[in-house]
Protein backbone atom coordinates (compact mmCIF):
# COMPACT_ATOMS: atom_id res chain seq x y z
CA MET A 1 0.00 0.00 0.06
CA ASN A 2 1.28 3.44 -0.92
CA LEU A 3 1.07 5.73 2.21
CA GLU A 4 0.82 9.00 0.24
CA LYS A 5 -1.83 7.70 -2.17
CA TRP A 6 -3.95 6.50 0.74
CA ALA A 7 -3.56 9.79 2.61
CA ALA A 8 -4.44 11.74 -0.55
CA SER A 9 -7.61 9.66 -1.10
CA ILE A 10 -9.26 10.82 2.18
CA ASP A 11 -7.50 14.20 2.78
CA GLY A 12 -10.19 16.90 3.20
CA GLU A 13 -13.08 14.52 3.86
CA LEU A 14 -15.40 14.41 6.86
CA LEU A 15 -14.68 10.70 7.24
CA ASP A 16 -17.12 8.35 9.10
CA LEU A 17 -16.71 4.61 8.78
CA ASP A 18 -18.46 3.47 11.97
CA ALA A 19 -21.38 5.86 12.49
CA ALA A 20 -20.18 6.59 16.02
CA PRO A 21 -20.61 8.48 18.10
CA THR A 22 -24.03 9.62 16.82
CA GLN A 23 -23.61 13.21 17.95
CA GLN A 24 -20.29 13.62 16.04
CA PRO A 25 -19.52 10.62 13.83
CA ALA A 26 -16.40 12.05 12.06
CA GLN A 27 -13.72 11.22 14.59
CA CYS A 28 -9.99 10.58 14.68
CA HIS A 29 -10.76 6.83 15.02
CA ASP A 30 -12.12 6.87 11.40
CA VAL A 31 -8.68 7.62 10.08
CA TRP A 32 -7.34 4.62 11.87
CA LEU A 33 -10.15 2.46 10.43
CA SER A 34 -9.48 3.72 6.88
CA TYR A 35 -5.79 2.84 7.21
CA LEU A 36 -6.47 -0.49 8.75
CA TYR A 37 -8.83 -1.48 5.90
CA ALA A 38 -6.29 -0.26 3.36
CA LEU A 39 -3.76 -2.64 4.93
CA GLY A 40 -6.14 -5.64 4.73
CA GLY A 41 -7.95 -5.36 8.06
CA LYS A 42 -11.60 -6.41 8.41
CA PRO A 43 -14.60 -4.53 9.82
CA GLY A 44 -14.48 -5.08 13.55
CA ASP A 45 -10.65 -5.36 13.83
CA GLY A 46 -10.32 -1.66 14.71
CA HIS A 47 -13.01 -1.58 17.36
CA ALA A 48 -12.05 0.33 20.50
CA PRO A 49 -12.85 -1.81 23.58
CA GLY A 50 -14.10 -0.66 26.95
CA ALA A 51 -17.17 1.03 28.25
CA GLU A 52 -16.16 4.45 27.04
CA GLY A 53 -14.82 3.21 23.70
CA TRP A 54 -11.68 5.41 23.83
CA THR A 55 -9.50 4.86 20.79
CA SER A 56 -6.41 4.52 23.04
CA GLU A 57 -7.72 1.17 24.23
CA VAL A 58 -6.85 -0.29 20.77
CA TRP A 59 -3.18 0.12 21.64
CA ARG A 60 -3.53 -0.71 25.35
CA GLN A 61 -5.32 -4.04 24.69
CA PHE A 62 -3.42 -5.05 21.56
CA PRO A 63 -3.53 -7.82 20.46
CA LYS A 64 -5.79 -9.75 22.93
CA HIS A 65 -8.89 -7.73 22.07
CA ARG A 66 -8.63 -8.29 18.32
CA PRO A 67 -6.04 -11.04 17.60
CA ASN A 68 -6.26 -10.43 13.82
CA LEU A 69 -4.40 -7.13 14.37
CA ALA A 70 -1.27 -9.03 15.32
CA LYS A 71 -1.17 -10.32 11.64
CA LEU A 72 -0.93 -6.72 10.45
CA PHE A 73 0.88 -4.70 13.18
CA THR A 74 3.47 -4.89 15.93
CA ARG A 75 3.10 -2.73 19.09
CA HIS A 76 5.92 -0.28 20.17
CA ASP A 77 6.26 2.34 22.89
CA GLY A 78 6.54 5.28 20.53
CA LYS A 79 10.03 6.47 21.45
CA THR A 80 10.81 6.07 17.74
CA ILE A 81 7.96 6.96 15.39
CA LYS A 82 8.32 6.08 11.62
CA ALA A 83 6.27 7.12 8.58
CA GLY A 84 3.30 4.65 8.45
CA ASP A 85 3.01 4.11 12.16
CA VAL A 86 -0.43 4.47 13.80
CA VAL A 87 0.15 6.83 16.71
CA PHE A 88 -2.07 6.69 19.87
CA TRP A 89 -2.25 9.32 22.60
CA SER A 90 -3.56 8.72 26.05
CA ALA A 91 -4.23 12.46 26.32
CA TYR A 92 -3.33 14.64 23.33
CA ASP A 93 -0.66 17.20 24.20
CA GLY A 94 -0.60 15.91 27.74
CA ASN A 95 -4.00 17.23 28.83
CA GLY A 96 -6.53 16.52 26.15
CA LEU A 97 -8.61 13.46 25.18
CA PRO A 98 -7.31 10.21 23.70
CA HIS A 99 -6.34 10.50 19.99
CA VAL A 100 -5.07 8.51 17.06
CA ALA A 101 -3.44 9.53 13.80
CA VAL A 102 -1.19 8.09 11.13
CA ALA A 103 2.39 9.31 10.85
CA LEU A 104 3.29 10.52 7.35
CA ALA A 105 6.96 11.14 8.18
CA ASN A 106 9.46 10.12 10.79
CA ALA A 107 8.83 12.09 13.99
CA GLY A 108 10.90 15.01 15.11
CA GLN A 109 11.82 15.67 18.72
CA TYR A 110 8.62 17.50 19.64
CA THR A 111 6.15 16.82 16.89
CA VAL A 112 5.07 14.17 14.39
CA TYR A 113 3.58 15.04 10.95
CA CYS A 114 0.32 13.09 10.72
CA LEU A 115 -2.89 12.57 8.82
CA THR A 116 -5.54 13.35 11.41
CA GLN A 117 -9.21 14.26 11.90
CA ASN A 118 -11.18 16.10 14.59
CA PRO A 119 -11.18 18.93 15.01
CA GLY A 120 -12.12 19.50 11.39
CA PRO A 121 -12.04 17.12 8.44
CA VAL A 122 -9.16 14.77 7.55
CA HIS A 123 -6.06 16.91 7.20
CA ARG A 124 -2.24 16.88 7.60
CA GLU A 125 -0.78 18.51 10.71
CA HIS A 126 2.22 18.51 12.94
CA LEU A 127 0.97 17.01 16.23
CA SER A 128 2.59 17.27 19.62
CA ARG A 129 4.38 14.15 20.94
CA ARG A 130 3.13 14.91 24.48
CA GLY A 131 0.82 12.31 25.75
CA ILE A 132 1.79 9.60 23.26
CA LEU A 133 1.04 6.07 24.48
CA GLY A 134 2.78 4.28 21.60
CA VAL A 135 2.44 3.13 18.04
CA LEU A 136 1.16 0.17 16.01
CA ARG A 137 3.59 -0.46 13.19
CA PRO A 138 2.46 -2.19 10.00
CA ILE A 139 4.16 -5.47 9.20
CA THR A 140 5.85 -5.25 5.84
CA LYS A 141 6.37 -8.55 4.05
CA THR A 142 9.19 -8.83 1.57
CA THR A 143 9.96 -12.28 0.26
CA PRO A 144 12.26 -12.00 -2.80
CA THR A 145 13.00 -15.33 -4.39
CA SER A 146 16.08 -14.08 -6.24
CA LYS A 147 18.41 -11.15 -6.24
CA PRO A 148 16.78 -8.40 -8.35
CA ALA A 149 18.57 -7.01 -11.35
CA SER A 150 20.41 -3.80 -10.71
CA LYS A 151 18.59 -0.63 -11.78
CA PRO A 152 19.88 2.74 -12.78
CA ALA A 153 20.08 5.17 -9.93
CA ALA A 154 16.95 7.30 -9.50
CA PRO A 155 17.46 10.92 -10.37
CA ALA A 156 18.02 13.28 -7.44
CA ILE A 157 14.90 14.94 -6.03
CA THR A 158 14.96 18.68 -6.67
CA GLN A 159 14.18 21.25 -3.98
CA GLU A 160 11.04 22.16 -5.91
CA GLU A 161 9.86 18.56 -5.83
CA LEU A 162 10.71 18.32 -2.09
CA MET A 163 8.47 21.35 -1.38
CA ALA A 164 5.56 20.34 -3.67
CA ASN A 165 2.09 20.40 -2.08
CA PRO A 166 3.35 21.72 1.29
CA THR A 167 1.52 22.38 4.56
CA TYR A 168 1.64 26.07 5.57
CA VAL A 169 2.11 26.97 9.25
CA GLN A 170 2.60 30.05 11.31
CA ASP A 171 3.39 30.95 14.91
CA ALA A 172 -0.08 31.39 16.50
CA ALA A 173 1.28 34.10 18.87
CA THR A 174 1.80 36.44 15.92
CA LYS A 175 -1.93 36.52 15.30
CA GLY A 176 -1.53 36.14 11.52
CA GLN A 177 1.24 38.73 11.18
CA GLY A 178 4.27 36.49 11.47
CA THR A 179 6.34 34.60 8.80
CA ILE A 180 4.47 31.83 7.01
CA TYR A 181 6.42 28.55 6.50
CA ALA A 182 5.95 25.91 3.88
CA VAL A 183 6.51 22.41 5.30
CA SER A 184 7.45 19.62 2.91
CA PRO A 185 5.24 16.52 3.09
CA ILE A 186 8.28 14.50 1.98
CA THR A 187 11.01 15.62 4.32
CA GLY A 188 9.00 17.31 7.14
CA LYS A 189 11.29 20.36 6.82
CA LYS A 190 10.21 23.99 6.62
CA ARG A 191 11.20 27.03 4.67
CA PRO A 192 9.97 30.63 4.99
CA VAL A 193 7.66 31.92 2.32
CA SER A 194 8.38 35.49 1.15
CA LYS A 195 5.57 38.08 1.04
CA ALA A 196 5.85 38.25 -2.74
CA GLU A 197 5.58 34.53 -3.10
CA TRP A 198 2.58 34.32 -0.67
CA ASN A 199 0.79 37.20 -2.54
CA GLY A 200 1.33 35.17 -5.73
CA TYR A 201 -0.31 32.11 -4.11
CA ARG A 202 -3.24 34.26 -2.91
CA ALA A 203 -3.76 35.76 -6.35
CA ALA A 204 -3.82 32.28 -7.87
CA GLU A 205 -6.33 31.16 -5.18
CA LYS A 206 -8.60 34.07 -6.03
CA ALA A 207 -8.40 33.13 -9.69
CA GLY A 208 -9.77 29.68 -8.91
CA GLY A 209 -6.65 27.84 -7.82
CA GLU A 210 -6.18 25.56 -4.79
CA LYS A 211 -7.57 26.96 -1.57
CA LEU A 212 -4.85 27.92 0.93
CA ALA A 213 -4.93 27.31 4.69
CA VAL A 214 -2.29 28.27 7.31
CA GLY A 215 -2.09 26.13 10.45
CA GLN A 216 -1.58 28.11 13.62
CA ILE A 217 0.89 26.30 15.93
CA SER A 218 2.87 27.22 19.02
CA LYS A 219 6.40 28.68 18.69
CA ALA A 220 7.82 25.60 20.35
CA ASP A 221 6.24 23.30 17.78
CA LEU A 222 7.26 25.61 14.95
CA ASP A 223 10.89 25.70 16.18
CA ALA A 224 10.86 21.84 16.46
CA ILE A 225 10.26 21.58 12.67
CA PRO A 226 13.75 21.38 11.04
CA ASP A 227 14.72 23.98 8.44
CA ALA A 228 15.01 22.93 4.79
C-alpha cells in the first residue's frame, strides 16, 4: 500500500466509517479504520474496547482484544515513530482526550507529521508528541526469491519537488502577522515563504486555484520543525 496515495484519497473529507458516536461521527478513530482497511484489516478489527470506547484502548489491549491485528501490526512504545506508524495518545498534548493519527513522516523531537481528523475534516498536521502512548507499526512482508537485477540510480529529487504540495504553518502568537512557513510532506522540513511568493499564491487562489490554509501552531512546535 502506498502511504501517500492512501492519505491523498481521504485528505479533506469528513470521514465516518463506523457511525459513532451519533452526535459527532467524524472522529480521529475513522482515520485509523481507513488505514486499517487499506492494509487488509476487516470490519471489527479496529473496534475500541471498553465502556467508554476510547481509541487509546486499541493500543492498550493489543492484540488480545482483536487477535487479527497481530497479523498486520506490531506494538511499540513510541520512542521512535516512523512514517506509516499508527500513533495513539492517552491524552493529546498531555492534557486532552485520547487521540489516534497516522504518521506521514518520521517524527521530530517534539512533533510528528500526521494525517488526522477532529477537530475539522481529515487533514495533515504536525501534532505534539506529548501524551503519546505508543504506536502500531504495519508489518511489511518482503519475500524476494532471487536477487533483483540492478537498476539505474533514480534521479536526485529537486528542492522544488521536495516542497511540492506543502503544509503552511505560522506561529499562532503572531496573530496572523508572522512569517508563514511551507513544510514539505516528503522531508517534514520547513522554509519561510516570502511576502511576494505568498501574494502570488493568494492571487492564484482568487483566480480559482487551490484553496490555501495556514495552520496556527505554538512557537515551540514551529521551532521543532527542522529547516530545509
